[in-house]
Amino acid sequence: MKDKPFDIPVIVNLDSEEDRDVTSVKEALDVLIDEWPAGKGGPIHAEAIQACRGSLDGQYPVEKARNAFSAAAWDADLFVSDMGRLSEALA
């Protein structure tokens, strides 16, 4: 499967130490499956996994996967931003 980049990264905080920029559908799927904190899953998390897989398979646009990943991060209280970094916006 060919990876598909996000236009703007989704910034999440998985471990309370450092924010992470998730920049593509494949990276979002990897985070959802391999790095998501225990006990933070649920139906929105499952929908995000499905949206990312569908996007990588060409069934859904990248934006659907990105929005689903953002929603899962928000629902799990891991969301930081989906507007990019302020320092980059000001550059």
Protein backbone atom coordinates (compact mmCIF):
# COMPACT_ATOMS: atom_id res chain seq x y z
CA MET A 1 0.00 0.00 0.00
CA LYS A 2 1.28 3.41 -0.95
CA ASP A 3 1.28 5.94 1.88
CA LYS A 4 -0.73 9.14 1.51
CA PRO A 5 0.45 12.35 3.20
CA PHE A 6 -1.80 14.70 5.14
CA ASP A 7 -1.86 18.31 3.93
CA ILE A 8 -1.43 19.43 7.55
CA PRO A 9 -0.18 17.12 10.32
CA VAL A 10 -2.38 16.10 13.22
CA ILE A 11 -0.53 16.71 16.47
CA VAL A 12 -1.18 14.24 19.29
CA ASN A 13 0.29 13.53 22.69
CA LEU A 14 0.50 9.81 23.38
CA ASP A 15 2.72 9.82 26.46
CA SER A 16 2.45 13.27 28.09
CA GLU A 17 6.14 13.92 27.41
CA GLU A 18 6.32 15.06 23.82
CA ASP A 19 3.81 16.01 21.14
CA ARG A 20 3.94 14.02 17.93
CA ASP A 21 3.19 15.20 14.41
CA VAL A 22 1.31 12.51 12.50
CA THR A 23 1.87 13.33 8.85
CA SER A 24 0.25 10.56 6.79
CA VAL A 25 -2.47 7.94 6.63
CA LYS A 26 -0.02 5.07 7.16
CA GLU A 27 1.53 6.77 10.18
CA ALA A 28 -1.95 7.42 11.62
CA LEU A 29 -2.86 3.76 11.14
CA ASP A 30 0.39 2.65 12.80
CA VAL A 31 -0.33 4.94 15.76
CA LEU A 32 -3.91 3.68 16.05
CA ILE A 33 -2.87 0.03 15.98
CA ASP A 34 0.57 -0.10 17.59
CA GLU A 35 0.93 2.96 19.81
CA TRP A 36 -2.55 3.87 21.05
CA PRO A 37 -2.63 3.89 24.86
CA ALA A 38 -4.40 0.95 26.51
CA GLY A 39 -7.92 1.77 27.62
CA LYS A 40 -8.27 4.65 25.14
CA GLY A 41 -9.92 2.63 22.37
CA GLY A 42 -13.59 2.55 21.54
CA PRO A 43 -15.97 2.90 18.61
CA ILE A 44 -14.44 6.15 17.31
CA HIS A 45 -10.96 4.57 17.48
CA ALA A 46 -12.27 1.56 15.53
CA GLU A 47 -13.86 3.86 12.93
CA ALA A 48 -10.53 5.69 12.52
CA ILE A 49 -8.72 2.41 11.87
CA GLN A 50 -11.34 1.52 9.26
CA ALA A 51 -11.10 4.96 7.62
CA CYS A 52 -7.30 4.79 7.44
CA ARG A 53 -7.36 1.30 5.95
CA GLY A 54 -10.02 2.40 3.47
CA SER A 55 -7.99 5.42 2.47
CA LEU A 56 -4.86 3.35 1.90
CA ASP A 57 -6.93 0.96 -0.22
CA GLY A 58 -8.30 3.86 -2.27
CA GLN A 59 -11.88 3.61 -0.97
CA TYR A 60 -11.81 6.92 0.93
CA PRO A 61 -10.05 10.24 0.43
CA VAL A 62 -7.10 11.13 2.63
CA GLU A 63 -9.17 13.83 4.34
CA LYS A 64 -11.65 11.23 5.64
CA ALA A 65 -8.80 9.30 7.28
CA ARG A 66 -7.29 12.48 8.71
CA ASN A 67 -10.63 13.65 10.13
CA ALA A 68 -11.31 10.22 11.63
CA PHE A 69 -7.85 10.13 13.22
CA SER A 70 -8.37 13.62 14.66
CA ALA A 71 -11.74 12.56 16.06
CA ALA A 72 -10.25 9.46 17.68
CA ALA A 73 -7.46 11.52 19.24
CA TRP A 74 -10.00 14.06 20.51
CA ASP A 75 -12.22 11.31 21.93
CA ALA A 76 -9.24 9.70 23.72
CA ASP A 77 -8.02 13.06 25.09
CA LEU A 78 -4.80 12.76 23.06
CA PHE A 79 -5.54 15.56 20.59
CA VAL A 80 -3.29 18.62 20.50
CA SER A 81 -3.96 20.28 17.13
CA ASP A 82 -4.98 19.64 13.54
CA MET A 83 -4.01 23.12 12.41
CA GLY A 84 -0.26 22.50 12.31
CA ARG A 85 2.28 24.15 14.53
CA LEU A 86 1.97 27.85 15.23
CA SER A 87 5.70 28.35 14.67
CA GLU A 88 5.36 26.96 11.13
CA ALA A 89 2.33 29.13 10.41
CA LEU A 90 4.23 32.24 11.39
CA ALA A 91 7.33 31.38 9.34
